[in-house]
Amino acid sequence: MASSSHRVKVSQLLYGLATFVPGVAPIFGRGGGDSKSARYCYSVWLRHLVAAHEGGWRGQPLVVAELGPGDSLGVGLAALVSGAEAYHAFDVVQHARVDRNQAVLEELIGLFRARADIPGEAELPEVRPNLSSYAFPRHLLTDERLGQALSEARLARVRDSVARQNTPGSMIDYRTRWFDDAAIERDSIDLLFSQAVLEHVDDLPSAYRAMALWLKPNGLASNQIDFRCHNTAHLWNGHWFYSDRTWRLIRGKRAYLLNRAPFSRHLELLAQNGLALAGTRTEKLVSSIARGDLAPRFRGMTEDDLTTSSALIQAIRRA
């Protein structure tokens, strides 16, 4: 008989089954992370920017794209406030509201004007990647650059773009249509990023194909991925214990849950789409699952996959 740690998490199974009841599914499709917090958004944007520079990328993120912005467009707004000229946001379910975006924007402006340090591990213990220093990156965002970015005329344009997203002249393009080849002009994105999103994407091959199409030559994809079970199991990697049939019941009719793809699958898809690995920052956790207890299709996982709990994966589109 399976130990209690290997049994199905009943609450998650009930959630999944309940979504088959008409009218219930939307309850479990709500929510979109922590991006309603300006300090979270500020931290995420600067972590990606600092990590990219430390990894050797020297591009200028003037046109940026985000997969899965969540409760607000705050991370992309942080990019705009700090100098980006255009921001494309893609989600599965539309969460972000204009009034929330406006509130987050004003807080972000204050943080950049103050050159506030990056909120770190003490304040945001779950946010990755970790950095060696959380001091404001003055070497990347110089006083000259921020002086231009934070001018009143430019901020008025950013504010107007938030109010008029998806209209001609707006700096913001926000949509729920993913992976359409025509969604973004090809070869147009300097930096594409996501934060704890790619573990939820059902069609990963199409996601990576879209990244390769959208990025400019030498453009950067920066994706922070959480490989943990997201409370679907008793162990942090217990989602790899479930058979495909059980997982379909747990997933139910929710708009998204987990794709259960391990670290190495993402590296494979990078290579298949002409994206050259620029660097990774992985974190490990001890696995308490015996290999024989894994679902059949996961028993061949490497030890590296089985113990990788999170990873920042950065890759450059080959010129």
C-alpha atoms as a PDB file:
ATOM      1  CA  MET A   1       0.000   0.000   0.000  1.00  0.00           C
ATOM      2  CA  ALA A   2       1.321   3.479  -0.876  1.00  0.00           C
ATOM      3  CA  SER A   3       2.567   5.660   1.945  1.00  0.00           C
ATOM      4  CA  SER A   4       0.480   8.711   2.849  1.00  0.00           C
ATOM      5  CA  SER A   5       2.990  10.941   1.054  1.00  0.00           C
ATOM      6  CA  HIS A   6       2.352   9.030  -2.182  1.00  0.00           C
ATOM      7  CA  ARG A   7      -1.439   8.996  -1.972  1.00  0.00           C
ATOM      8  CA  VAL A   8      -3.548  11.285  -4.095  1.00  0.00           C
ATOM      9  CA  LYS A   9      -4.117  14.654  -2.474  1.00  0.00           C
ATOM     10  CA  VAL A  10      -7.865  14.367  -2.015  1.00  0.00           C
ATOM     11  CA  SER A  11      -8.600  18.090  -1.875  1.00  0.00           C
ATOM     12  CA  GLN A  12      -6.999  18.591  -5.304  1.00  0.00           C
ATOM     13  CA  LEU A  13      -8.861  15.627  -6.766  1.00  0.00           C
ATOM     14  CA  LEU A  14     -12.138  17.053  -5.478  1.00  0.00           C
ATOM     15  CA  TYR A  15     -11.287  20.459  -6.949  1.00  0.00           C
ATOM     16  CA  GLY A  16     -10.661  18.849 -10.309  1.00  0.00           C
ATOM     17  CA  LEU A  17     -13.844  16.787 -10.245  1.00  0.00           C
ATOM     18  CA  ALA A  18     -15.881  19.820  -9.194  1.00  0.00           C
ATOM     19  CA  THR A  19     -14.841  21.697 -12.330  1.00  0.00           C
ATOM     20  CA  PHE A  20     -16.890  19.267 -14.397  1.00  0.00           C
ATOM     21  CA  VAL A  21     -20.023  20.704 -12.748  1.00  0.00           C
ATOM     22  CA  PRO A  22     -21.478  23.501 -14.925  1.00  0.00           C
ATOM     23  CA  GLY A  23     -20.622  26.942 -13.550  1.00  0.00           C
ATOM     24  CA  VAL A  24     -17.887  25.733 -11.215  1.00  0.00           C
ATOM     25  CA  ALA A  25     -14.832  25.724 -13.511  1.00  0.00           C
ATOM     26  CA  PRO A  26     -14.327  29.529 -13.556  1.00  0.00           C
ATOM     27  CA  ILE A  27     -13.873  29.523  -9.762  1.00  0.00           C
ATOM     28  CA  PHE A  28     -10.656  27.580 -10.162  1.00  0.00           C
ATOM     29  CA  GLY A  29      -9.393  29.598 -13.114  1.00  0.00           C
ATOM     30  CA  ARG A  30      -9.125  32.873 -11.219  1.00  0.00           C
ATOM     31  CA  GLY A  31      -6.029  34.498  -9.885  1.00  0.00           C
ATOM     32  CA  GLY A  32      -2.801  35.476 -11.476  1.00  0.00           C
ATOM     33  CA  GLY A  33       0.116  35.482  -9.070  1.00  0.00           C
ATOM     34  CA  ASP A  34       1.510  38.405  -7.073  1.00  0.00           C
ATOM     35  CA  SER A  35       1.744  41.036  -9.783  1.00  0.00           C
ATOM     36  CA  LYS A  36      -0.805  43.297  -8.089  1.00  0.00           C
ATOM     37  CA  SER A  37       2.079  44.266  -5.766  1.00  0.00           C
ATOM     38  CA  ALA A  38       4.284  46.998  -7.207  1.00  0.00           C
ATOM     39  CA  ARG A  39       7.274  45.927  -5.124  1.00  0.00           C
ATOM     40  CA  TYR A  40       6.947  42.378  -6.446  1.00  0.00           C
ATOM     41  CA  CYS A  41       6.822  43.642 -10.046  1.00  0.00           C
ATOM     42  CA  TYR A  42       9.782  45.963  -9.495  1.00  0.00           C
ATOM     43  CA  SER A  43      11.771  43.088  -8.001  1.00  0.00           C
ATOM     44  CA  VAL A  44      10.944  40.633 -10.792  1.00  0.00           C
ATOM     45  CA  TRP A  45      11.837  43.029 -13.603  1.00  0.00           C
ATOM     46  CA  LEU A  46      15.148  44.061 -12.053  1.00  0.00           C
ATOM     47  CA  ARG A  47      16.076  40.442 -11.233  1.00  0.00           C
ATOM     48  CA  HIS A  48      15.639  39.436 -14.873  1.00  0.00           C
ATOM     49  CA  LEU A  49      17.569  42.501 -16.017  1.00  0.00           C
ATOM     50  CA  VAL A  50      20.462  41.986 -13.577  1.00  0.00           C
ATOM     51  CA  ALA A  51      20.673  38.243 -14.292  1.00  0.00           C
ATOM     52  CA  ALA A  52      20.721  38.901 -18.045  1.00  0.00           C
ATOM     53  CA  HIS A  53      23.621  41.333 -17.682  1.00  0.00           C
ATOM     54  CA  GLU A  54      25.519  38.986 -15.383  1.00  0.00           C
ATOM     55  CA  GLY A  55      25.015  36.243 -17.977  1.00  0.00           C
ATOM     56  CA  GLY A  56      26.713  38.374 -20.621  1.00  0.00           C
ATOM     57  CA  TRP A  57      23.721  39.810 -22.522  1.00  0.00           C
ATOM     58  CA  ARG A  58      24.370  43.389 -23.585  1.00  0.00           C
ATOM     59  CA  GLY A  59      21.207  44.109 -25.547  1.00  0.00           C
ATOM     60  CA  GLN A  60      18.905  47.038 -24.851  1.00  0.00           C
ATOM     61  CA  PRO A  61      15.372  45.947 -23.814  1.00  0.00           C
ATOM     62  CA  LEU A  62      13.470  48.560 -25.790  1.00  0.00           C
ATOM     63  CA  VAL A  63      10.730  46.187 -26.980  1.00  0.00           C
ATOM     64  CA  VAL A  64       9.755  43.592 -24.373  1.00  0.00           C
ATOM     65  CA  ALA A  65       7.196  40.804 -24.182  1.00  0.00           C
ATOM     66  CA  GLU A  66       5.842  38.901 -21.204  1.00  0.00           C
ATOM     67  CA  LEU A  67       4.124  35.534 -21.053  1.00  0.00           C
ATOM     68  CA  GLY A  68       1.531  35.282 -18.285  1.00  0.00           C
ATOM     69  CA  PRO A  69       1.508  38.712 -16.597  1.00  0.00           C
ATOM     70  CA  GLY A  70      -1.225  37.727 -14.130  1.00  0.00           C
ATOM     71  CA  ASP A  71      -3.067  40.108 -11.790  1.00  0.00           C
ATOM     72  CA  SER A  72      -1.549  43.232 -13.317  1.00  0.00           C
ATOM     73  CA  LEU A  73       0.788  44.253 -16.101  1.00  0.00           C
ATOM     74  CA  GLY A  74       3.163  45.507 -13.417  1.00  0.00           C
ATOM     75  CA  VAL A  75       6.373  43.763 -14.501  1.00  0.00           C
ATOM     76  CA  GLY A  76       5.956  45.113 -18.009  1.00  0.00           C
ATOM     77  CA  LEU A  77       5.106  48.535 -16.600  1.00  0.00           C
ATOM     78  CA  ALA A  78       8.379  48.412 -14.656  1.00  0.00           C
ATOM     79  CA  ALA A  79      10.118  47.793 -17.980  1.00  0.00           C
ATOM     80  CA  LEU A  80       8.347  50.795 -19.538  1.00  0.00           C
ATOM     81  CA  VAL A  81       9.092  53.103 -16.606  1.00  0.00           C
ATOM     82  CA  SER A  82      12.770  52.160 -16.780  1.00  0.00           C
ATOM     83  CA  GLY A  83      13.100  52.892 -20.487  1.00  0.00           C
ATOM     84  CA  ALA A  84      11.390  50.283 -22.682  1.00  0.00           C
ATOM     85  CA  GLU A  85       9.354  51.713 -25.555  1.00  0.00           C
ATOM     86  CA  ALA A  86       6.846  48.907 -26.174  1.00  0.00           C
ATOM     87  CA  TYR A  87       5.402  46.057 -24.101  1.00  0.00           C
ATOM     88  CA  HIS A  88       3.480  43.001 -25.331  1.00  0.00           C
ATOM     89  CA  ALA A  89       1.637  40.914 -22.722  1.00  0.00           C
ATOM     90  CA  PHE A  90       0.088  37.487 -23.309  1.00  0.00           C
ATOM     91  CA  ASP A  91      -2.128  35.571 -20.896  1.00  0.00           C
ATOM     92  CA  VAL A  92      -4.403  32.530 -20.990  1.00  0.00           C
ATOM     93  CA  VAL A  93      -7.091  34.222 -18.871  1.00  0.00           C
ATOM     94  CA  GLN A  94      -7.376  38.001 -18.774  1.00  0.00           C
ATOM     95  CA  HIS A  95      -6.734  39.075 -15.162  1.00  0.00           C
ATOM     96  CA  ALA A  96      -5.243  42.569 -15.352  1.00  0.00           C
ATOM     97  CA  ARG A  97      -7.589  45.552 -14.889  1.00  0.00           C
ATOM     98  CA  VAL A  98      -6.835  49.109 -15.972  1.00  0.00           C
ATOM     99  CA  ASP A  99      -7.484  50.622 -12.528  1.00  0.00           C
ATOM    100  CA  ARG A 100      -5.131  48.111 -10.890  1.00  0.00           C
ATOM    101  CA  ASN A 101      -2.478  48.776 -13.525  1.00  0.00           C
ATOM    102  CA  GLN A 102      -2.756  52.509 -12.891  1.00  0.00           C
ATOM    103  CA  ALA A 103      -2.252  52.065  -9.149  1.00  0.00           C
ATOM    104  CA  VAL A 104       0.757  49.774  -9.638  1.00  0.00           C
ATOM    105  CA  LEU A 105       2.250  52.190 -12.158  1.00  0.00           C
ATOM    106  CA  GLU A 106       2.264  55.109  -9.719  1.00  0.00           C
ATOM    107  CA  GLU A 107       4.016  53.028  -7.072  1.00  0.00           C
ATOM    108  CA  LEU A 108       6.582  51.856  -9.620  1.00  0.00           C
ATOM    109  CA  ILE A 109       7.364  55.433 -10.616  1.00  0.00           C
ATOM    110  CA  GLY A 110       8.090  56.221  -6.964  1.00  0.00           C
ATOM    111  CA  LEU A 111      10.389  53.210  -6.611  1.00  0.00           C
ATOM    112  CA  PHE A 112      12.429  54.125  -9.702  1.00  0.00           C
ATOM    113  CA  ARG A 113      12.624  57.792  -8.730  1.00  0.00           C
ATOM    114  CA  ALA A 114      14.028  56.712  -5.358  1.00  0.00           C
ATOM    115  CA  ARG A 115      16.420  54.188  -6.955  1.00  0.00           C
ATOM    116  CA  ALA A 116      15.070  51.791  -4.337  1.00  0.00           C
ATOM    117  CA  ASP A 117      16.997  48.609  -3.676  1.00  0.00           C
ATOM    118  CA  ILE A 118      15.548  45.438  -5.180  1.00  0.00           C
ATOM    119  CA  PRO A 119      13.178  43.703  -2.717  1.00  0.00           C
ATOM    120  CA  GLY A 120      15.117  40.577  -1.803  1.00  0.00           C
ATOM    121  CA  GLU A 121      14.861  37.250  -0.041  1.00  0.00           C
ATOM    122  CA  ALA A 122      13.717  38.629   3.328  1.00  0.00           C
ATOM    123  CA  GLU A 123      10.709  40.405   1.808  1.00  0.00           C
ATOM    124  CA  LEU A 124       9.965  38.046  -1.105  1.00  0.00           C
ATOM    125  CA  PRO A 125      11.306  34.629  -0.086  1.00  0.00           C
ATOM    126  CA  GLU A 126       9.501  32.752  -2.872  1.00  0.00           C
ATOM    127  CA  VAL A 127      10.651  34.961  -5.743  1.00  0.00           C
ATOM    128  CA  ARG A 128      13.501  33.755  -7.930  1.00  0.00           C
ATOM    129  CA  PRO A 129      16.149  34.128  -9.169  1.00  0.00           C
ATOM    130  CA  ASN A 130      18.162  35.039  -6.104  1.00  0.00           C
ATOM    131  CA  LEU A 131      20.853  37.657  -6.656  1.00  0.00           C
ATOM    132  CA  SER A 132      24.251  38.166  -5.061  1.00  0.00           C
ATOM    133  CA  SER A 133      23.356  41.828  -4.482  1.00  0.00           C
ATOM    134  CA  TYR A 134      19.982  43.555  -4.239  1.00  0.00           C
ATOM    135  CA  ALA A 135      21.382  47.060  -4.528  1.00  0.00           C
ATOM    136  CA  PHE A 136      19.739  49.196  -7.192  1.00  0.00           C
ATOM    137  CA  PRO A 137      21.587  48.420 -10.471  1.00  0.00           C
ATOM    138  CA  ARG A 138      22.955  51.893 -11.221  1.00  0.00           C
ATOM    139  CA  HIS A 139      25.410  50.386 -13.705  1.00  0.00           C
ATOM    140  CA  LEU A 140      22.426  49.305 -15.848  1.00  0.00           C
ATOM    141  CA  LEU A 141      19.962  52.094 -15.124  1.00  0.00           C
ATOM    142  CA  THR A 142      22.195  55.143 -15.016  1.00  0.00           C
ATOM    143  CA  ASP A 143      21.038  58.564 -13.864  1.00  0.00           C
ATOM    144  CA  GLU A 144      21.171  59.731 -17.476  1.00  0.00           C
ATOM    145  CA  ARG A 145      18.991  56.867 -18.705  1.00  0.00           C
ATOM    146  CA  LEU A 146      16.490  57.188 -15.873  1.00  0.00           C
ATOM    147  CA  GLY A 147      16.433  60.957 -16.212  1.00  0.00           C
ATOM    148  CA  GLN A 148      15.115  60.511 -19.725  1.00  0.00           C
ATOM    149  CA  ALA A 149      12.810  57.606 -18.828  1.00  0.00           C
ATOM    150  CA  LEU A 150      11.271  59.456 -15.872  1.00  0.00           C
ATOM    151  CA  SER A 151      10.713  62.788 -17.586  1.00  0.00           C
ATOM    152  CA  GLU A 152       7.205  64.139 -17.095  1.00  0.00           C
ATOM    153  CA  ALA A 153       6.479  64.056 -20.822  1.00  0.00           C
ATOM    154  CA  ARG A 154       7.466  60.408 -21.107  1.00  0.00           C
ATOM    155  CA  LEU A 155       5.585  59.345 -17.968  1.00  0.00           C
ATOM    156  CA  ALA A 156       2.487  61.067 -19.337  1.00  0.00           C
ATOM    157  CA  ARG A 157       2.817  58.839 -22.389  1.00  0.00           C
ATOM    158  CA  VAL A 158       3.152  55.727 -20.221  1.00  0.00           C
ATOM    159  CA  ARG A 159       0.088  56.717 -18.177  1.00  0.00           C
ATOM    160  CA  ASP A 160      -1.890  57.335 -21.353  1.00  0.00           C
ATOM    161  CA  SER A 161      -0.800  53.925 -22.690  1.00  0.00           C
ATOM    162  CA  VAL A 162      -2.127  52.202 -19.564  1.00  0.00           C
ATOM    163  CA  ALA A 163      -5.496  53.909 -19.980  1.00  0.00           C
ATOM    164  CA  ARG A 164      -5.614  53.162 -23.720  1.00  0.00           C
ATOM    165  CA  GLN A 165      -3.937  49.757 -24.019  1.00  0.00           C
ATOM    166  CA  ASN A 166      -4.391  48.033 -27.390  1.00  0.00           C
ATOM    167  CA  THR A 167      -5.197  51.304 -29.179  1.00  0.00           C
ATOM    168  CA  PRO A 168      -3.094  53.015 -31.880  1.00  0.00           C
ATOM    169  CA  GLY A 169      -0.157  54.803 -30.297  1.00  0.00           C
ATOM    170  CA  SER A 170      -0.292  52.913 -27.012  1.00  0.00           C
ATOM    171  CA  MET A 171       2.941  51.373 -25.751  1.00  0.00           C
ATOM    172  CA  ILE A 172       0.962  48.375 -24.425  1.00  0.00           C
ATOM    173  CA  ASP A 173      -0.438  45.410 -26.343  1.00  0.00           C
ATOM    174  CA  TYR A 174      -2.340  42.999 -24.036  1.00  0.00           C
ATOM    175  CA  ARG A 175      -4.107  39.926 -25.348  1.00  0.00           C
ATOM    176  CA  THR A 176      -5.094  36.361 -24.506  1.00  0.00           C
ATOM    177  CA  ARG A 177      -4.317  34.891 -27.930  1.00  0.00           C
ATOM    178  CA  TRP A 178      -1.096  32.945 -27.594  1.00  0.00           C
ATOM    179  CA  PHE A 179       1.188  31.367 -30.162  1.00  0.00           C
ATOM    180  CA  ASP A 180      -0.372  32.938 -33.231  1.00  0.00           C
ATOM    181  CA  ASP A 181       2.499  33.542 -35.659  1.00  0.00           C
ATOM    182  CA  ALA A 182       1.011  36.947 -36.456  1.00  0.00           C
ATOM    183  CA  ALA A 183       0.478  37.991 -32.826  1.00  0.00           C
ATOM    184  CA  ILE A 184       3.756  39.929 -32.734  1.00  0.00           C
ATOM    185  CA  GLU A 185       5.833  41.050 -35.694  1.00  0.00           C
ATOM    186  CA  ARG A 186       8.644  38.591 -36.275  1.00  0.00           C
ATOM    187  CA  ASP A 187      12.168  39.604 -35.281  1.00  0.00           C
ATOM    188  CA  SER A 188      10.825  42.488 -33.178  1.00  0.00           C
ATOM    189  CA  ILE A 189      11.406  41.628 -29.494  1.00  0.00           C
ATOM    190  CA  ASP A 190      14.594  42.495 -27.612  1.00  0.00           C
ATOM    191  CA  LEU A 191      13.723  40.711 -24.370  1.00  0.00           C
ATOM    192  CA  LEU A 192      10.967  38.175 -23.718  1.00  0.00           C
ATOM    193  CA  PHE A 193      10.428  37.081 -20.124  1.00  0.00           C
ATOM    194  CA  SER A 194       8.138  35.053 -17.893  1.00  0.00           C
ATOM    195  CA  GLN A 195       7.931  34.495 -14.153  1.00  0.00           C
ATOM    196  CA  ALA A 196       6.646  31.136 -12.882  1.00  0.00           C
ATOM    197  CA  VAL A 197       4.522  30.726 -16.015  1.00  0.00           C
ATOM    198  CA  LEU A 198       6.011  28.133 -18.373  1.00  0.00           C
ATOM    199  CA  GLU A 199       5.228  25.301 -15.948  1.00  0.00           C
ATOM    200  CA  HIS A 200       1.532  26.071 -16.639  1.00  0.00           C
ATOM    201  CA  VAL A 201       1.670  26.193 -20.456  1.00  0.00           C
ATOM    202  CA  ASP A 202       0.051  23.140 -22.037  1.00  0.00           C
ATOM    203  CA  ASP A 203       1.591  23.546 -25.498  1.00  0.00           C
ATOM    204  CA  LEU A 204       5.260  24.137 -24.707  1.00  0.00           C
ATOM    205  CA  PRO A 205       6.530  23.412 -28.244  1.00  0.00           C
ATOM    206  CA  SER A 206       4.351  26.207 -29.622  1.00  0.00           C
ATOM    207  CA  ALA A 207       5.475  28.557 -26.859  1.00  0.00           C
ATOM    208  CA  TYR A 208       9.143  28.069 -27.689  1.00  0.00           C
ATOM    209  CA  ARG A 209       8.462  28.287 -31.410  1.00  0.00           C
ATOM    210  CA  ALA A 210       6.734  31.641 -30.802  1.00  0.00           C
ATOM    211  CA  MET A 211       9.697  32.903 -28.764  1.00  0.00           C
ATOM    212  CA  ALA A 212      12.079  32.063 -31.596  1.00  0.00           C
ATOM    213  CA  LEU A 213       9.858  33.785 -34.155  1.00  0.00           C
ATOM    214  CA  TRP A 214       9.318  36.943 -32.124  1.00  0.00           C
ATOM    215  CA  LEU A 215      12.846  37.560 -30.823  1.00  0.00           C
ATOM    216  CA  LYS A 216      15.278  39.661 -32.789  1.00  0.00           C
ATOM    217  CA  PRO A 217      18.597  38.045 -33.664  1.00  0.00           C
ATOM    218  CA  ASN A 218      20.599  38.213 -30.404  1.00  0.00           C
ATOM    219  CA  GLY A 219      17.371  38.895 -28.502  1.00  0.00           C
ATOM    220  CA  LEU A 220      17.026  37.235 -25.095  1.00  0.00           C
ATOM    221  CA  ALA A 221      14.421  34.874 -23.628  1.00  0.00           C
ATOM    222  CA  SER A 222      14.501  34.908 -19.812  1.00  0.00           C
ATOM    223  CA  ASN A 223      12.165  32.403 -18.156  1.00  0.00           C
ATOM    224  CA  GLN A 224      11.940  31.642 -14.442  1.00  0.00           C
ATOM    225  CA  ILE A 225      10.254  28.237 -14.025  1.00  0.00           C
ATOM    226  CA  ASP A 226       8.914  26.582 -10.859  1.00  0.00           C
ATOM    227  CA  PHE A 227       9.014  22.789 -11.116  1.00  0.00           C
ATOM    228  CA  ARG A 228       7.306  22.112  -7.769  1.00  0.00           C
ATOM    229  CA  CYS A 229       3.869  20.529  -7.443  1.00  0.00           C
ATOM    230  CA  HIS A 230       1.983  23.766  -6.655  1.00  0.00           C
ATOM    231  CA  ASN A 231       0.079  22.111  -3.808  1.00  0.00           C
ATOM    232  CA  THR A 232      -1.262  19.302  -6.010  1.00  0.00           C
ATOM    233  CA  ALA A 233       0.575  16.606  -4.009  1.00  0.00           C
ATOM    234  CA  HIS A 234       1.941  15.866  -0.542  1.00  0.00           C
ATOM    235  CA  LEU A 235       5.591  16.041  -1.684  1.00  0.00           C
ATOM    236  CA  TRP A 236       7.167  18.965  -3.542  1.00  0.00           C
ATOM    237  CA  ASN A 237       7.667  16.786  -6.651  1.00  0.00           C
ATOM    238  CA  GLY A 238       4.697  14.481  -6.056  1.00  0.00           C
ATOM    239  CA  HIS A 239       2.972  15.591  -9.261  1.00  0.00           C
ATOM    240  CA  TRP A 240       5.328  13.194 -11.062  1.00  0.00           C
ATOM    241  CA  PHE A 241       3.838  10.363  -9.006  1.00  0.00           C
ATOM    242  CA  TYR A 242       0.369  10.659 -10.589  1.00  0.00           C
ATOM    243  CA  SER A 243      -0.632   8.579 -13.602  1.00  0.00           C
ATOM    244  CA  ASP A 244      -1.892  10.487 -16.632  1.00  0.00           C
ATOM    245  CA  ARG A 245      -5.455   9.374 -15.872  1.00  0.00           C
ATOM    246  CA  THR A 246      -5.331  10.604 -12.281  1.00  0.00           C
ATOM    247  CA  TRP A 247      -3.736  13.854 -13.408  1.00  0.00           C
ATOM    248  CA  ARG A 248      -6.562  14.473 -15.899  1.00  0.00           C
ATOM    249  CA  LEU A 249      -9.050  14.169 -13.039  1.00  0.00           C
ATOM    250  CA  ILE A 250      -7.037  16.545 -10.841  1.00  0.00           C
ATOM    251  CA  ARG A 251      -6.741  19.033 -13.708  1.00  0.00           C
ATOM    252  CA  GLY A 252     -10.445  18.798 -14.503  1.00  0.00           C
ATOM    253  CA  LYS A 253     -11.668  21.690 -16.638  1.00  0.00           C
ATOM    254  CA  ARG A 254      -9.387  24.295 -15.117  1.00  0.00           C
ATOM    255  CA  ALA A 255      -8.016  26.720 -17.687  1.00  0.00           C
ATOM    256  CA  TYR A 256      -4.497  25.781 -16.617  1.00  0.00           C
ATOM    257  CA  LEU A 257      -2.659  23.801 -13.971  1.00  0.00           C
ATOM    258  CA  LEU A 258       0.767  22.201 -14.607  1.00  0.00           C
ATOM    259  CA  ASN A 259       2.284  20.617 -17.690  1.00  0.00           C
ATOM    260  CA  ARG A 260       4.677  18.516 -15.510  1.00  0.00           C
ATOM    261  CA  ALA A 261       7.554  19.028 -17.976  1.00  0.00           C
ATOM    262  CA  PRO A 262      10.949  18.714 -16.226  1.00  0.00           C
ATOM    263  CA  PHE A 263      13.979  20.977 -16.585  1.00  0.00           C
ATOM    264  CA  SER A 264      15.567  19.018 -19.438  1.00  0.00           C
ATOM    265  CA  ARG A 265      12.447  19.327 -21.607  1.00  0.00           C
ATOM    266  CA  HIS A 266      12.850  23.104 -21.669  1.00  0.00           C
ATOM    267  CA  LEU A 267      16.499  22.770 -22.705  1.00  0.00           C
ATOM    268  CA  GLU A 268      15.472  20.429 -25.531  1.00  0.00           C
ATOM    269  CA  LEU A 269      12.903  22.916 -26.827  1.00  0.00           C
ATOM    270  CA  LEU A 270      15.410  25.764 -26.749  1.00  0.00           C
ATOM    271  CA  ALA A 271      17.798  23.789 -28.931  1.00  0.00           C
ATOM    272  CA  GLN A 272      15.057  22.667 -31.315  1.00  0.00           C
ATOM    273  CA  ASN A 273      14.072  26.287 -31.948  1.00  0.00           C
ATOM    274  CA  GLY A 274      17.495  27.797 -32.492  1.00  0.00           C
ATOM    275  CA  LEU A 275      17.787  29.409 -29.065  1.00  0.00           C
ATOM    276  CA  ALA A 276      21.304  29.183 -27.631  1.00  0.00           C
ATOM    277  CA  LEU A 277      21.522  28.639 -23.887  1.00  0.00           C
ATOM    278  CA  ALA A 278      23.062  31.718 -22.250  1.00  0.00           C
ATOM    279  CA  GLY A 279      22.899  30.499 -18.672  1.00  0.00           C
ATOM    280  CA  THR A 280      20.840  28.825 -15.978  1.00  0.00           C
ATOM    281  CA  ARG A 281      20.355  29.363 -12.259  1.00  0.00           C
ATOM    282  CA  THR A 282      18.900  26.217 -10.746  1.00  0.00           C
ATOM    283  CA  GLU A 283      17.801  25.321  -7.245  1.00  0.00           C
ATOM    284  CA  LYS A 284      17.653  21.775  -5.923  1.00  0.00           C
ATOM    285  CA  LEU A 285      15.505  19.965  -3.368  1.00  0.00           C
ATOM    286  CA  VAL A 286      15.893  16.429  -2.075  1.00  0.00           C
ATOM    287  CA  SER A 287      13.503  13.971  -3.717  1.00  0.00           C
ATOM    288  CA  SER A 288      11.655  11.609  -1.356  1.00  0.00           C
ATOM    289  CA  ILE A 289      10.047   9.597  -4.160  1.00  0.00           C
ATOM    290  CA  ALA A 290      11.519   6.219  -5.031  1.00  0.00           C
ATOM    291  CA  ARG A 291      11.986   5.899  -8.779  1.00  0.00           C
ATOM    292  CA  GLY A 292       9.618   2.919  -8.838  1.00  0.00           C
ATOM    293  CA  ASP A 293       6.848   5.094  -7.391  1.00  0.00           C
ATOM    294  CA  LEU A 294       6.991   7.584 -10.241  1.00  0.00           C
ATOM    295  CA  ALA A 295       4.337   7.412 -12.940  1.00  0.00           C
ATOM    296  CA  PRO A 296       5.572   5.211 -15.815  1.00  0.00           C
ATOM    297  CA  ARG A 297       6.364   8.086 -18.163  1.00  0.00           C
ATOM    298  CA  PHE A 298       8.524   9.804 -15.544  1.00  0.00           C
ATOM    299  CA  ARG A 299      10.591   6.812 -14.405  1.00  0.00           C
ATOM    300  CA  GLY A 300      13.316   7.590 -16.915  1.00  0.00           C
ATOM    301  CA  MET A 301      13.877  11.093 -15.529  1.00  0.00           C
ATOM    302  CA  THR A 302      17.455  11.980 -14.729  1.00  0.00           C
ATOM    303  CA  GLU A 303      18.425  12.673 -11.135  1.00  0.00           C
ATOM    304  CA  ASP A 304      18.995  16.280 -12.182  1.00  0.00           C
ATOM    305  CA  ASP A 305      15.388  16.582 -13.395  1.00  0.00           C
ATOM    306  CA  LEU A 306      14.002  14.840 -10.333  1.00  0.00           C
ATOM    307  CA  THR A 307      15.700  17.244  -7.916  1.00  0.00           C
ATOM    308  CA  THR A 308      15.501  20.565  -9.825  1.00  0.00           C
ATOM    309  CA  SER A 309      12.825  22.610  -8.054  1.00  0.00           C
ATOM    310  CA  SER A 310      13.264  25.885  -9.968  1.00  0.00           C
ATOM    311  CA  ALA A 311      15.379  27.362 -12.720  1.00  0.00           C
ATOM    312  CA  LEU A 312      16.019  30.626 -14.464  1.00  0.00           C
ATOM    313  CA  ILE A 313      16.734  29.694 -18.078  1.00  0.00           C
ATOM    314  CA  GLN A 314      18.112  32.411 -20.324  1.00  0.00           C
ATOM    315  CA  ALA A 315      18.703  31.884 -24.027  1.00  0.00           C
ATOM    316  CA  ILE A 316      19.696  34.021 -26.993  1.00  0.00           C
ATOM    317  CA  ARG A 317      18.241  33.715 -30.453  1.00  0.00           C
ATOM    318  CA  ARG A 318      21.106  32.909 -32.765  1.00  0.00           C
ATOM    319  CA  ALA A 319      21.932  35.632 -35.283  1.00  0.00           C
END
